[in-house]
Amino acid sequence: MSALPRKIRCAIYCRKSSEEGLGQSFNSLDAQRQACVSYIHSQRHQGWIVLDDHYDDGGYSGGTLQRPSLRRLIRDIEAGEIEAVICYRIDRLSRSLRDFTRLIDVFEDKGTSLVSITENFNTATSMGRLNLHMILTFAEYERELAGERIRDKFLASRKRGLWMGGHPVLGYGIWDRKLVVNETEAALVRHVFERFLQVGSATKLVRS
């Protein structure tokens, strides 16, 4: 009679960058968790069980580790309560290669494996660890590329004279995404400069 497999307690981590749609009865976080639960159930023969705790971060970027559920997940791993972390995609856990290296150090120190169900790898194996580093390198590249595209778009918009956000300076307003003179405020600005030339001191100008 074969021995029963050792129980592997699996925590599911889910993340969504924006808060859009989180109020829906079935949102992106729910979809991620459902897929992960189904995968864990398919591994019951290996002793995998789903932990009841939900580790969900809605509205948090993958470029930082300052996420409440992620920090709680780390604490539970350090407490020895989790043998495996299951996520839908590796970028749900982190998009930063440096941060991911820190997370993997915590995982390895506690003997916790990381499983991505859509990218089909498990860090419990040497091939899984190799795949992880390759995926992380490309994820970091994609994040940096996206940042460059945004900066290029802002620069091109500014060259066209388009306003890219924030409060306009006194004397100007926004119309059709362009700075236009606000005549009421502009008159006040001109008066301030004229008075400054007359009195020659900002202190005297304020007192006058």
N, C-alpha and C. Protein backbone atom coordinates (compact mmCIF):
# COMPACT_ATOMS: atom_id res chain seq x y z
N MET A 1 0.85 -1.19 0.00
CA MET A 1 0.00 0.00 0.00
C MET A 1 0.88 1.24 0.00
N SER A 2 0.71 2.14 -1.01
CA SER A 2 1.57 3.31 -1.15
C SER A 2 1.25 4.34 -0.09
N ALA A 3 2.30 5.07 0.35
CA ALA A 3 2.13 6.10 1.36
C ALA A 3 1.43 7.32 0.76
N LEU A 4 0.66 7.98 1.60
CA LEU A 4 -0.01 9.19 1.15
C LEU A 4 1.00 10.30 0.92
N PRO A 5 0.82 11.12 -0.13
CA PRO A 5 1.78 12.22 -0.38
C PRO A 5 1.74 13.26 0.73
N ARG A 6 2.87 13.92 0.93
CA ARG A 6 2.94 14.98 1.93
C ARG A 6 2.05 16.15 1.52
N LYS A 7 1.32 16.71 2.48
CA LYS A 7 0.45 17.84 2.19
C LYS A 7 1.28 19.08 1.85
N ILE A 8 0.93 19.70 0.74
CA ILE A 8 1.60 20.94 0.31
C ILE A 8 0.57 22.06 0.36
N ARG A 9 0.73 22.94 1.32
CA ARG A 9 -0.21 24.05 1.51
C ARG A 9 0.07 25.13 0.47
N CYS A 10 -0.92 25.41 -0.35
CA CYS A 10 -0.75 26.34 -1.48
C CYS A 10 -1.50 27.64 -1.24
N ALA A 11 -0.78 28.75 -1.29
CA ALA A 11 -1.39 30.07 -1.21
C ALA A 11 -1.51 30.64 -2.62
N ILE A 12 -2.63 31.27 -2.89
CA ILE A 12 -2.86 31.87 -4.21
C ILE A 12 -2.67 33.38 -4.11
N TYR A 13 -1.80 33.93 -4.97
CA TYR A 13 -1.61 35.38 -4.99
C TYR A 13 -2.17 35.95 -6.28
N CYS A 14 -3.01 37.00 -6.16
CA CYS A 14 -3.61 37.65 -7.32
C CYS A 14 -3.38 39.15 -7.24
N ARG A 15 -3.21 39.77 -8.41
CA ARG A 15 -2.99 41.23 -8.44
C ARG A 15 -3.59 41.82 -9.70
N LYS A 16 -4.10 43.04 -9.56
CA LYS A 16 -4.57 43.83 -10.70
C LYS A 16 -4.06 45.25 -10.52
N SER A 17 -3.45 45.82 -11.57
CA SER A 17 -2.80 47.12 -11.45
C SER A 17 -3.78 48.25 -11.16
N SER A 18 -4.93 48.24 -11.82
CA SER A 18 -5.90 49.31 -11.66
C SER A 18 -7.09 48.83 -10.83
N GLU A 19 -7.87 49.79 -10.32
CA GLU A 19 -9.05 49.45 -9.54
C GLU A 19 -10.29 49.31 -10.43
N GLU A 20 -10.12 49.56 -11.71
CA GLU A 20 -11.24 49.49 -12.64
C GLU A 20 -11.84 48.07 -12.66
N GLY A 21 -13.14 47.99 -12.47
CA GLY A 21 -13.84 46.72 -12.54
C GLY A 21 -13.81 45.89 -11.28
N LEU A 22 -13.12 46.35 -10.23
CA LEU A 22 -13.02 45.54 -9.01
C LEU A 22 -14.35 45.44 -8.27
N GLY A 23 -15.25 46.39 -8.55
CA GLY A 23 -16.54 46.36 -7.89
C GLY A 23 -17.52 45.37 -8.50
N GLN A 24 -17.14 44.76 -9.60
CA GLN A 24 -18.02 43.80 -10.26
C GLN A 24 -18.12 42.51 -9.44
N SER A 25 -19.24 41.80 -9.61
CA SER A 25 -19.45 40.57 -8.84
C SER A 25 -18.41 39.50 -9.16
N PHE A 26 -17.89 39.51 -10.38
CA PHE A 26 -16.82 38.58 -10.76
C PHE A 26 -15.78 39.38 -11.54
N ASN A 27 -14.69 39.73 -10.87
CA ASN A 27 -13.68 40.59 -11.49
C ASN A 27 -12.42 39.82 -11.83
N SER A 28 -11.40 40.57 -12.24
CA SER A 28 -10.14 39.95 -12.67
C SER A 28 -9.48 39.14 -11.56
N LEU A 29 -9.55 39.65 -10.33
CA LEU A 29 -8.95 38.92 -9.21
C LEU A 29 -9.68 37.59 -8.99
N ASP A 30 -11.00 37.62 -9.12
CA ASP A 30 -11.78 36.39 -8.97
C ASP A 30 -11.41 35.37 -10.05
N ALA A 31 -11.24 35.88 -11.29
CA ALA A 31 -10.90 34.99 -12.40
C ALA A 31 -9.53 34.35 -12.19
N GLN A 32 -8.56 35.15 -11.72
CA GLN A 32 -7.24 34.61 -11.44
C GLN A 32 -7.30 33.52 -10.38
N ARG A 33 -8.02 33.81 -9.30
CA ARG A 33 -8.10 32.84 -8.20
C ARG A 33 -8.79 31.56 -8.65
N GLN A 34 -9.88 31.70 -9.40
CA GLN A 34 -10.60 30.52 -9.86
C GLN A 34 -9.70 29.61 -10.69
N ALA A 35 -8.92 30.21 -11.59
CA ALA A 35 -8.01 29.42 -12.43
C ALA A 35 -6.96 28.72 -11.57
N CYS A 36 -6.45 29.42 -10.56
CA CYS A 36 -5.42 28.84 -9.70
C CYS A 36 -5.99 27.71 -8.84
N VAL A 37 -7.21 27.90 -8.34
CA VAL A 37 -7.85 26.85 -7.55
C VAL A 37 -8.03 25.58 -8.38
N SER A 38 -8.47 25.76 -9.61
CA SER A 38 -8.66 24.60 -10.50
C SER A 38 -7.34 23.87 -10.73
N TYR A 39 -6.27 24.65 -10.89
CA TYR A 39 -4.96 24.02 -11.12
C TYR A 39 -4.51 23.23 -9.88
N ILE A 40 -4.70 23.82 -8.71
CA ILE A 40 -4.31 23.14 -7.47
C ILE A 40 -5.11 21.84 -7.30
N HIS A 41 -6.40 21.89 -7.61
CA HIS A 41 -7.22 20.69 -7.52
C HIS A 41 -6.71 19.59 -8.46
N SER A 42 -6.16 20.01 -9.59
CA SER A 42 -5.64 19.01 -10.53
C SER A 42 -4.37 18.34 -10.01
N GLN A 43 -3.78 18.91 -8.96
CA GLN A 43 -2.55 18.36 -8.39
C GLN A 43 -2.80 17.70 -7.03
N ARG A 44 -4.06 17.35 -6.76
CA ARG A 44 -4.38 16.73 -5.48
C ARG A 44 -3.60 15.44 -5.24
N HIS A 45 -3.34 14.72 -6.33
CA HIS A 45 -2.62 13.45 -6.19
C HIS A 45 -1.20 13.65 -5.66
N GLN A 46 -0.70 14.92 -5.75
CA GLN A 46 0.62 15.22 -5.22
C GLN A 46 0.54 15.84 -3.82
N GLY A 47 -0.68 15.90 -3.27
CA GLY A 47 -0.85 16.41 -1.92
C GLY A 47 -1.13 17.91 -1.83
N TRP A 48 -1.40 18.56 -2.98
CA TRP A 48 -1.64 20.00 -2.97
C TRP A 48 -3.01 20.31 -2.38
N ILE A 49 -3.06 21.30 -1.49
CA ILE A 49 -4.33 21.76 -0.92
C ILE A 49 -4.36 23.30 -0.96
N VAL A 50 -5.56 23.85 -1.13
CA VAL A 50 -5.73 25.31 -1.22
C VAL A 50 -5.93 25.90 0.17
N LEU A 51 -5.13 26.91 0.50
CA LEU A 51 -5.36 27.63 1.75
C LEU A 51 -6.54 28.59 1.58
N ASP A 52 -7.32 28.77 2.64
CA ASP A 52 -8.52 29.61 2.56
C ASP A 52 -8.19 31.09 2.45
N ASP A 53 -7.05 31.53 2.99
CA ASP A 53 -6.69 32.95 2.97
C ASP A 53 -6.59 33.47 1.53
N HIS A 54 -7.13 34.67 1.33
CA HIS A 54 -7.03 35.31 0.02
C HIS A 54 -5.91 36.35 0.07
N TYR A 55 -4.98 36.26 -0.85
CA TYR A 55 -3.89 37.24 -0.96
C TYR A 55 -4.11 38.01 -2.26
N ASP A 56 -4.96 39.01 -2.20
CA ASP A 56 -5.36 39.77 -3.39
C ASP A 56 -4.97 41.24 -3.24
N ASP A 57 -4.27 41.77 -4.23
CA ASP A 57 -3.92 43.20 -4.25
C ASP A 57 -4.55 43.83 -5.48
N GLY A 58 -5.65 44.53 -5.28
CA GLY A 58 -6.32 45.23 -6.37
C GLY A 58 -5.94 46.69 -6.39
N GLY A 59 -5.50 47.18 -7.55
CA GLY A 59 -5.10 48.57 -7.67
C GLY A 59 -3.67 48.84 -7.26
N TYR A 60 -2.81 47.84 -7.34
CA TYR A 60 -1.40 48.02 -6.96
C TYR A 60 -0.48 47.63 -8.12
N SER A 61 0.55 48.43 -8.33
CA SER A 61 1.51 48.18 -9.40
C SER A 61 2.42 47.00 -9.05
N GLY A 62 2.85 46.30 -10.10
CA GLY A 62 3.79 45.20 -9.90
C GLY A 62 5.22 45.67 -9.80
N GLY A 63 5.42 47.00 -9.87
CA GLY A 63 6.78 47.54 -9.80
C GLY A 63 7.22 47.85 -8.39
N THR A 64 6.41 47.52 -7.38
CA THR A 64 6.77 47.77 -5.98
C THR A 64 6.36 46.59 -5.12
N LEU A 65 7.05 46.41 -4.01
CA LEU A 65 6.70 45.35 -3.06
C LEU A 65 5.79 45.87 -1.96
N GLN A 66 5.50 47.17 -1.99
CA GLN A 66 4.67 47.78 -0.94
C GLN A 66 3.19 47.55 -1.24
N ARG A 67 2.80 46.28 -1.11
CA ARG A 67 1.41 45.87 -1.32
C ARG A 67 0.95 45.09 -0.09
N PRO A 68 -0.20 45.45 0.47
CA PRO A 68 -0.61 44.84 1.75
C PRO A 68 -0.71 43.32 1.73
N SER A 69 -1.36 42.77 0.72
CA SER A 69 -1.53 41.31 0.69
C SER A 69 -0.21 40.60 0.40
N LEU A 70 0.64 41.21 -0.42
CA LEU A 70 1.95 40.62 -0.69
C LEU A 70 2.79 40.58 0.58
N ARG A 71 2.75 41.65 1.35
CA ARG A 71 3.53 41.69 2.59
C ARG A 71 2.99 40.66 3.59
N ARG A 72 1.67 40.47 3.62
CA ARG A 72 1.08 39.45 4.48
C ARG A 72 1.50 38.06 4.01
N LEU A 73 1.54 37.87 2.69
CA LEU A 73 1.99 36.60 2.12
C LEU A 73 3.42 36.29 2.56
N ILE A 74 4.28 37.30 2.48
CA ILE A 74 5.68 37.12 2.87
C ILE A 74 5.78 36.74 4.34
N ARG A 75 5.00 37.41 5.19
CA ARG A 75 5.03 37.10 6.62
C ARG A 75 4.60 35.65 6.88
N ASP A 76 3.58 35.19 6.16
CA ASP A 76 3.10 33.82 6.35
C ASP A 76 4.12 32.80 5.83
N ILE A 77 4.84 33.16 4.76
CA ILE A 77 5.90 32.28 4.26
C ILE A 77 7.01 32.17 5.30
N GLU A 78 7.40 33.32 5.84
CA GLU A 78 8.47 33.34 6.86
C GLU A 78 8.06 32.60 8.12
N ALA A 79 6.75 32.53 8.37
CA ALA A 79 6.25 31.80 9.54
C ALA A 79 6.14 30.30 9.27
N GLY A 80 6.47 29.89 8.04
CA GLY A 80 6.45 28.47 7.70
C GLY A 80 5.07 27.90 7.45
N GLU A 81 4.11 28.78 7.08
CA GLU A 81 2.73 28.33 6.89
C GLU A 81 2.39 27.99 5.44
N ILE A 82 3.33 28.21 4.52
CA ILE A 82 3.05 28.02 3.09
C ILE A 82 4.18 27.24 2.44
N GLU A 83 3.83 26.19 1.70
CA GLU A 83 4.83 25.41 0.96
C GLU A 83 4.94 25.81 -0.51
N ALA A 84 3.86 26.41 -1.05
CA ALA A 84 3.89 26.80 -2.46
C ALA A 84 3.02 28.04 -2.66
N VAL A 85 3.48 28.92 -3.54
CA VAL A 85 2.71 30.11 -3.93
C VAL A 85 2.30 29.92 -5.38
N ILE A 86 1.00 30.02 -5.64
CA ILE A 86 0.46 29.81 -6.98
C ILE A 86 -0.04 31.14 -7.52
N CYS A 87 0.35 31.49 -8.74
CA CYS A 87 -0.14 32.73 -9.36
C CYS A 87 -0.52 32.45 -10.82
N TYR A 88 -1.34 33.32 -11.35
CA TYR A 88 -1.83 33.14 -12.72
C TYR A 88 -0.70 33.37 -13.73
N ARG A 89 0.01 34.46 -13.52
CA ARG A 89 1.19 34.79 -14.32
C ARG A 89 2.26 35.32 -13.39
N ILE A 90 3.51 35.19 -13.80
CA ILE A 90 4.61 35.59 -12.94
C ILE A 90 4.60 37.11 -12.69
N ASP A 91 4.11 37.90 -13.68
CA ASP A 91 4.11 39.35 -13.49
C ASP A 91 3.03 39.80 -12.51
N ARG A 92 2.12 38.88 -12.10
CA ARG A 92 1.16 39.22 -11.05
C ARG A 92 1.88 39.39 -9.72
N LEU A 93 2.98 38.65 -9.55
CA LEU A 93 3.74 38.73 -8.31
C LEU A 93 4.69 39.92 -8.32
N SER A 94 5.36 40.15 -9.44
CA SER A 94 6.26 41.30 -9.56
C SER A 94 6.65 41.53 -11.01
N ARG A 95 6.89 42.80 -11.35
CA ARG A 95 7.40 43.14 -12.67
C ARG A 95 8.84 43.66 -12.60
N SER A 96 9.39 43.64 -11.41
CA SER A 96 10.75 44.13 -11.22
C SER A 96 11.69 42.96 -10.97
N LEU A 97 12.73 42.86 -11.77
CA LEU A 97 13.70 41.77 -11.62
C LEU A 97 14.37 41.85 -10.26
N ARG A 98 14.71 43.06 -9.83
CA ARG A 98 15.38 43.23 -8.52
C ARG A 98 14.46 42.78 -7.39
N ASP A 99 13.19 43.22 -7.43
CA ASP A 99 12.24 42.83 -6.38
C ASP A 99 11.97 41.33 -6.40
N PHE A 100 11.90 40.78 -7.59
CA PHE A 100 11.62 39.35 -7.69
C PHE A 100 12.76 38.54 -7.10
N THR A 101 13.97 39.00 -7.30
CA THR A 101 15.11 38.31 -6.72
C THR A 101 15.01 38.28 -5.20
N ARG A 102 14.54 39.38 -4.63
CA ARG A 102 14.35 39.44 -3.17
C ARG A 102 13.29 38.44 -2.73
N LEU A 103 12.19 38.37 -3.48
CA LEU A 103 11.13 37.44 -3.14
C LEU A 103 11.60 36.00 -3.22
N ILE A 104 12.34 35.68 -4.28
CA ILE A 104 12.83 34.31 -4.45
C ILE A 104 13.77 33.93 -3.32
N ASP A 105 14.56 34.89 -2.84
CA ASP A 105 15.45 34.62 -1.71
C ASP A 105 14.63 34.19 -0.48
N VAL A 106 13.50 34.88 -0.25
CA VAL A 106 12.62 34.53 0.87
C VAL A 106 12.02 33.14 0.65
N PHE A 107 11.56 32.89 -0.57
CA PHE A 107 10.96 31.60 -0.89
C PHE A 107 11.95 30.46 -0.67
N GLU A 108 13.15 30.63 -1.22
CA GLU A 108 14.13 29.56 -1.14
C GLU A 108 14.59 29.34 0.30
N ASP A 109 14.67 30.42 1.08
CA ASP A 109 15.10 30.30 2.47
C ASP A 109 14.12 29.45 3.27
N LYS A 110 12.84 29.52 2.91
CA LYS A 110 11.81 28.77 3.63
C LYS A 110 11.36 27.51 2.89
N GLY A 111 12.01 27.20 1.77
CA GLY A 111 11.65 26.01 1.02
C GLY A 111 10.29 26.10 0.35
N THR A 112 9.87 27.33 0.01
CA THR A 112 8.59 27.55 -0.64
C THR A 112 8.79 27.64 -2.15
N SER A 113 8.02 26.89 -2.90
CA SER A 113 8.14 26.93 -4.36
C SER A 113 7.16 27.93 -4.95
N LEU A 114 7.44 28.39 -6.16
CA LEU A 114 6.58 29.34 -6.87
C LEU A 114 6.10 28.67 -8.15
N VAL A 115 4.80 28.75 -8.39
CA VAL A 115 4.21 28.11 -9.56
C VAL A 115 3.40 29.14 -10.34
N SER A 116 3.67 29.25 -11.65
CA SER A 116 2.86 30.06 -12.55
C SER A 116 2.06 29.10 -13.40
N ILE A 117 0.73 29.19 -13.33
CA ILE A 117 -0.09 28.18 -14.01
C ILE A 117 -0.17 28.39 -15.52
N THR A 118 -0.01 29.63 -16.00
CA THR A 118 -0.10 29.87 -17.44
C THR A 118 1.25 29.77 -18.12
N GLU A 119 2.32 29.93 -17.36
CA GLU A 119 3.65 29.84 -17.95
C GLU A 119 4.29 28.47 -17.67
N ASN A 120 3.54 27.64 -16.96
CA ASN A 120 3.89 26.24 -16.79
C ASN A 120 5.30 26.02 -16.24
N PHE A 121 5.55 26.63 -15.09
CA PHE A 121 6.82 26.31 -14.44
C PHE A 121 6.64 26.28 -12.93
N ASN A 122 7.59 25.60 -12.30
CA ASN A 122 7.58 25.41 -10.86
C ASN A 122 9.03 25.53 -10.39
N THR A 123 9.31 26.45 -9.48
CA THR A 123 10.69 26.68 -9.05
C THR A 123 11.22 25.55 -8.18
N ALA A 124 10.39 24.55 -7.94
CA ALA A 124 10.89 23.38 -7.22
C ALA A 124 11.84 22.56 -8.10
N THR A 125 11.83 22.84 -9.42
CA THR A 125 12.72 22.12 -10.35
C THR A 125 13.76 23.08 -10.91
N SER A 126 14.89 22.53 -11.34
CA SER A 126 15.97 23.36 -11.89
C SER A 126 15.52 24.03 -13.20
N MET A 127 14.76 23.32 -14.02
CA MET A 127 14.25 23.89 -15.27
C MET A 127 13.28 25.03 -14.96
N GLY A 128 12.48 24.87 -13.92
CA GLY A 128 11.56 25.92 -13.53
C GLY A 128 12.29 27.18 -13.10
N ARG A 129 13.38 27.02 -12.37
CA ARG A 129 14.16 28.19 -11.95
C ARG A 129 14.79 28.89 -13.14
N LEU A 130 15.27 28.11 -14.12
CA LEU A 130 15.84 28.70 -15.33
C LEU A 130 14.78 29.49 -16.09
N ASN A 131 13.60 28.89 -16.26
CA ASN A 131 12.51 29.57 -16.95
C ASN A 131 12.10 30.85 -16.23
N LEU A 132 12.12 30.81 -14.91
CA LEU A 132 11.76 31.98 -14.12
C LEU A 132 12.67 33.16 -14.43
N HIS A 133 13.97 32.92 -14.43
CA HIS A 133 14.91 34.01 -14.68
C HIS A 133 14.75 34.56 -16.10
N MET A 134 14.47 33.70 -17.05
CA MET A 134 14.25 34.16 -18.43
C MET A 134 12.99 35.03 -18.51
N ILE A 135 11.91 34.57 -17.89
CA ILE A 135 10.65 35.32 -17.91
C ILE A 135 10.81 36.66 -17.23
N LEU A 136 11.50 36.68 -16.09
CA LEU A 136 11.69 37.93 -15.35
C LEU A 136 12.50 38.94 -16.14
N THR A 137 13.51 38.46 -16.85
CA THR A 137 14.33 39.36 -17.66
C THR A 137 13.48 40.03 -18.73
N PHE A 138 12.62 39.28 -19.38
CA PHE A 138 11.76 39.85 -20.42
C PHE A 138 10.67 40.73 -19.81
N ALA A 139 10.18 40.38 -18.62
CA ALA A 139 9.17 41.21 -17.96
C ALA A 139 9.75 42.57 -17.59
N GLU A 140 10.99 42.58 -17.11
CA GLU A 140 11.65 43.84 -16.78
C GLU A 140 11.86 44.68 -18.04
N TYR A 141 12.27 44.02 -19.12
CA TYR A 141 12.46 44.71 -20.40
C TYR A 141 11.14 45.32 -20.88
N GLU A 142 10.05 44.57 -20.77
CA GLU A 142 8.74 45.06 -21.21
C GLU A 142 8.31 46.27 -20.38
N ARG A 143 8.56 46.23 -19.06
CA ARG A 143 8.18 47.34 -18.19
C ARG A 143 8.97 48.60 -18.55
N GLU A 144 10.28 48.45 -18.78
CA GLU A 144 11.11 49.59 -19.15
C GLU A 144 10.70 50.14 -20.51
N LEU A 145 10.37 49.24 -21.43
CA LEU A 145 9.95 49.66 -22.77
C LEU A 145 8.65 50.46 -22.71
N ALA A 146 7.72 50.02 -21.85
CA ALA A 146 6.46 50.74 -21.69
C ALA A 146 6.71 52.14 -21.14
N GLY A 147 7.64 52.24 -20.18
CA GLY A 147 7.98 53.54 -19.62
C GLY A 147 8.58 54.47 -20.67
N GLU A 148 9.42 53.93 -21.52
CA GLU A 148 10.02 54.73 -22.59
C GLU A 148 8.95 55.22 -23.57
N ARG A 149 7.98 54.35 -23.88
CA ARG A 149 6.91 54.75 -24.80
C ARG A 149 6.09 55.89 -24.22
N ILE A 150 5.82 55.82 -22.92
CA ILE A 150 5.04 56.88 -22.26
C ILE A 150 5.80 58.19 -22.28
N ARG A 151 7.12 58.12 -21.98
CA ARG A 151 7.93 59.35 -21.98
C ARG A 151 8.01 59.95 -23.38
N ASP A 152 8.14 59.10 -24.40
CA ASP A 152 8.19 59.59 -25.78
C ASP A 152 6.87 60.26 -26.17
N LYS A 153 5.77 59.67 -25.72
CA LYS A 153 4.45 60.23 -26.02
C LYS A 153 4.29 61.60 -25.37
N PHE A 154 4.72 61.73 -24.12
CA PHE A 154 4.64 63.01 -23.43
C PHE A 154 5.48 64.07 -24.14
N LEU A 155 6.70 63.68 -24.55
CA LEU A 155 7.59 64.62 -25.22
C LEU A 155 6.99 65.09 -26.54
N ALA A 156 6.46 64.14 -27.32
CA ALA A 156 5.85 64.50 -28.61
C ALA A 156 4.65 65.41 -28.41
N SER A 157 3.85 65.16 -27.38
CA SER A 157 2.68 65.98 -27.10
C SER A 157 3.09 67.39 -26.71
N ARG A 158 4.13 67.51 -25.91
CA ARG A 158 4.60 68.84 -25.49
C ARG A 158 5.12 69.63 -26.68
N LYS A 159 5.81 68.93 -27.60
CA LYS A 159 6.32 69.62 -28.78
C LYS A 159 5.19 70.17 -29.65
N ARG A 160 4.03 69.53 -29.56
CA ARG A 160 2.85 70.00 -30.30
C ARG A 160 2.08 71.06 -29.52
N GLY A 161 2.60 71.40 -28.35
CA GLY A 161 1.95 72.44 -27.55
C GLY A 161 0.79 71.94 -26.71
N LEU A 162 0.68 70.62 -26.51
CA LEU A 162 -0.42 70.07 -25.73
C LEU A 162 -0.07 70.06 -24.25
N TRP A 163 -1.05 70.37 -23.42
CA TRP A 163 -0.85 70.36 -21.98
C TRP A 163 -1.00 68.93 -21.46
N MET A 164 -0.02 68.47 -20.66
CA MET A 164 0.01 67.07 -20.25
C MET A 164 -0.37 66.86 -18.79
N GLY A 165 -1.14 67.78 -18.23
CA GLY A 165 -1.65 67.56 -16.88
C GLY A 165 -1.06 68.49 -15.85
N GLY A 166 -1.72 68.52 -14.69
CA GLY A 166 -1.29 69.40 -13.61
C GLY A 166 -2.05 70.73 -13.65
N HIS A 167 -1.75 71.60 -12.68
CA HIS A 167 -2.41 72.90 -12.61
C HIS A 167 -1.63 73.92 -13.45
N PRO A 168 -2.31 74.62 -14.33
CA PRO A 168 -1.61 75.65 -15.12
C PRO A 168 -1.16 76.80 -14.24
N VAL A 169 -0.11 77.49 -14.66
CA VAL A 169 0.41 78.61 -13.89
C VAL A 169 -0.60 79.76 -13.94
N LEU A 170 -0.48 80.66 -12.95
CA LEU A 170 -1.38 81.81 -12.88
C LEU A 170 -1.27 82.64 -14.16
N GLY A 171 -2.40 82.95 -14.72
CA GLY A 171 -2.42 83.73 -15.96
C GLY A 171 -2.77 82.89 -17.18
N TYR A 172 -2.87 81.57 -16.98
CA TYR A 172 -3.19 80.69 -18.10
C TYR A 172 -4.32 79.72 -17.70
N GLY A 173 -5.02 79.24 -18.71
CA GLY A 173 -6.03 78.22 -18.52
C GLY A 173 -5.84 77.15 -19.57
N ILE A 174 -6.67 76.12 -19.53
CA ILE A 174 -6.57 75.00 -20.47
C ILE A 174 -7.79 75.02 -21.38
N TRP A 175 -7.53 74.98 -22.69
CA TRP A 175 -8.62 74.88 -23.66
C TRP A 175 -8.18 73.96 -24.78
N ASP A 176 -8.97 72.90 -25.00
CA ASP A 176 -8.64 71.93 -26.04
C ASP A 176 -7.22 71.39 -25.85
N ARG A 177 -6.88 71.10 -24.59
CA ARG A 177 -5.58 70.54 -24.20
C ARG A 177 -4.40 71.46 -24.51
N LYS A 178 -4.66 72.76 -24.61
CA LYS A 178 -3.58 73.71 -24.84
C LYS A 178 -3.68 74.86 -23.85
N LEU A 179 -2.51 75.43 -23.53
CA LEU A 179 -2.48 76.59 -22.64
C LEU A 179 -2.99 77.82 -23.39
N VAL A 180 -3.93 78.52 -22.78
CA VAL A 180 -4.42 79.78 -23.35
C VAL A 180 -4.41 80.83 -22.25
N VAL A 181 -4.28 82.06 -22.64
CA VAL A 181 -4.21 83.16 -21.67
C VAL A 181 -5.57 83.37 -21.02
N ASN A 182 -5.53 83.42 -19.68
CA ASN A 182 -6.72 83.79 -18.90
C ASN A 182 -6.62 85.29 -18.65
N GLU A 183 -7.40 86.07 -19.37
CA GLU A 183 -7.24 87.52 -19.36
C GLU A 183 -7.41 88.12 -17.97
N THR A 184 -8.32 87.57 -17.18
CA THR A 184 -8.53 88.10 -15.83
C THR A 184 -7.29 87.90 -14.97
N GLU A 185 -6.77 86.67 -14.97
CA GLU A 185 -5.58 86.38 -14.19
C GLU A 185 -4.35 87.07 -14.79
N ALA A 186 -4.30 87.16 -16.13
CA ALA A 186 -3.15 87.79 -16.78
C ALA A 186 -3.03 89.25 -16.39
N ALA A 187 -4.17 89.92 -16.26
CA ALA A 187 -4.15 91.33 -15.85
C ALA A 187 -3.55 91.48 -14.47
N LEU A 188 -3.88 90.54 -13.57
CA LEU A 188 -3.32 90.57 -12.22
C LEU A 188 -1.81 90.34 -12.25
N VAL A 189 -1.36 89.39 -13.07
CA VAL A 189 0.07 89.11 -13.18
C VAL A 189 0.82 90.32 -13.69
N ARG A 190 0.27 90.98 -14.72
CA ARG A 190 0.93 92.17 -15.27
C ARG A 190 1.00 93.28 -14.22
N HIS A 191 -0.07 93.42 -13.46
CA HIS A 191 -0.09 94.44 -12.40
C HIS A 191 0.99 94.17 -11.35
N VAL A 192 1.15 92.90 -10.96
CA VAL A 192 2.16 92.54 -9.97
C VAL A 192 3.55 92.90 -10.47
N PHE A 193 3.85 92.58 -11.74
CA PHE A 193 5.18 92.87 -12.27
C PHE A 193 5.40 94.38 -12.41
N GLU A 194 4.37 95.08 -12.81
CA GLU A 194 4.50 96.53 -12.94
C GLU A 194 4.77 97.18 -11.58
N ARG A 195 4.05 96.73 -10.54
CA ARG A 195 4.24 97.27 -9.20
C ARG A 195 5.63 96.93 -8.67
N PHE A 196 6.11 95.73 -9.02
CA PHE A 196 7.44 95.35 -8.55
C PHE A 196 8.50 96.28 -9.15
N LEU A 197 8.34 96.61 -10.41
CA LEU A 197 9.29 97.53 -11.04
C LEU A 197 9.23 98.90 -10.40
N GLN A 198 8.08 99.27 -9.92
CA GLN A 198 7.92 100.58 -9.28
C GLN A 198 8.54 100.63 -7.89
N VAL A 199 8.27 99.59 -7.06
CA VAL A 199 8.74 99.61 -5.67
C VAL A 199 10.10 98.96 -5.50
N GLY A 200 10.48 98.03 -6.44
CA GLY A 200 11.81 97.45 -6.41
C GLY A 200 12.05 96.41 -5.32
N SER A 201 10.98 95.96 -4.66
CA SER A 201 11.14 94.97 -3.57
C SER A 201 9.88 94.11 -3.46
N ALA A 202 10.09 92.80 -3.37
CA ALA A 202 8.96 91.92 -3.22
C ALA A 202 8.26 92.13 -1.87
N THR A 203 9.05 92.44 -0.82
CA THR A 203 8.48 92.69 0.50
C THR A 203 7.58 93.92 0.48
N LYS A 204 8.09 95.00 -0.13
CA LYS A 204 7.28 96.22 -0.21
C LYS A 204 6.04 95.99 -1.07
N LEU A 205 6.21 95.16 -2.11
CA LEU A 205 5.08 94.86 -2.99
C LEU A 205 3.95 94.17 -2.23
N VAL A 206 4.33 93.21 -1.38
CA VAL A 206 3.32 92.48 -0.60
C VAL A 206 2.63 93.43 0.38
N ARG A 207 3.42 94.30 1.01
CA ARG A 207 2.84 95.21 2.01
C ARG A 207 1.96 96.28 1.36
N SER A 208 2.26 96.60 0.10
CA SER A 208 1.46 97.63 -0.57
C SER A 208 0.15 97.07 -1.09
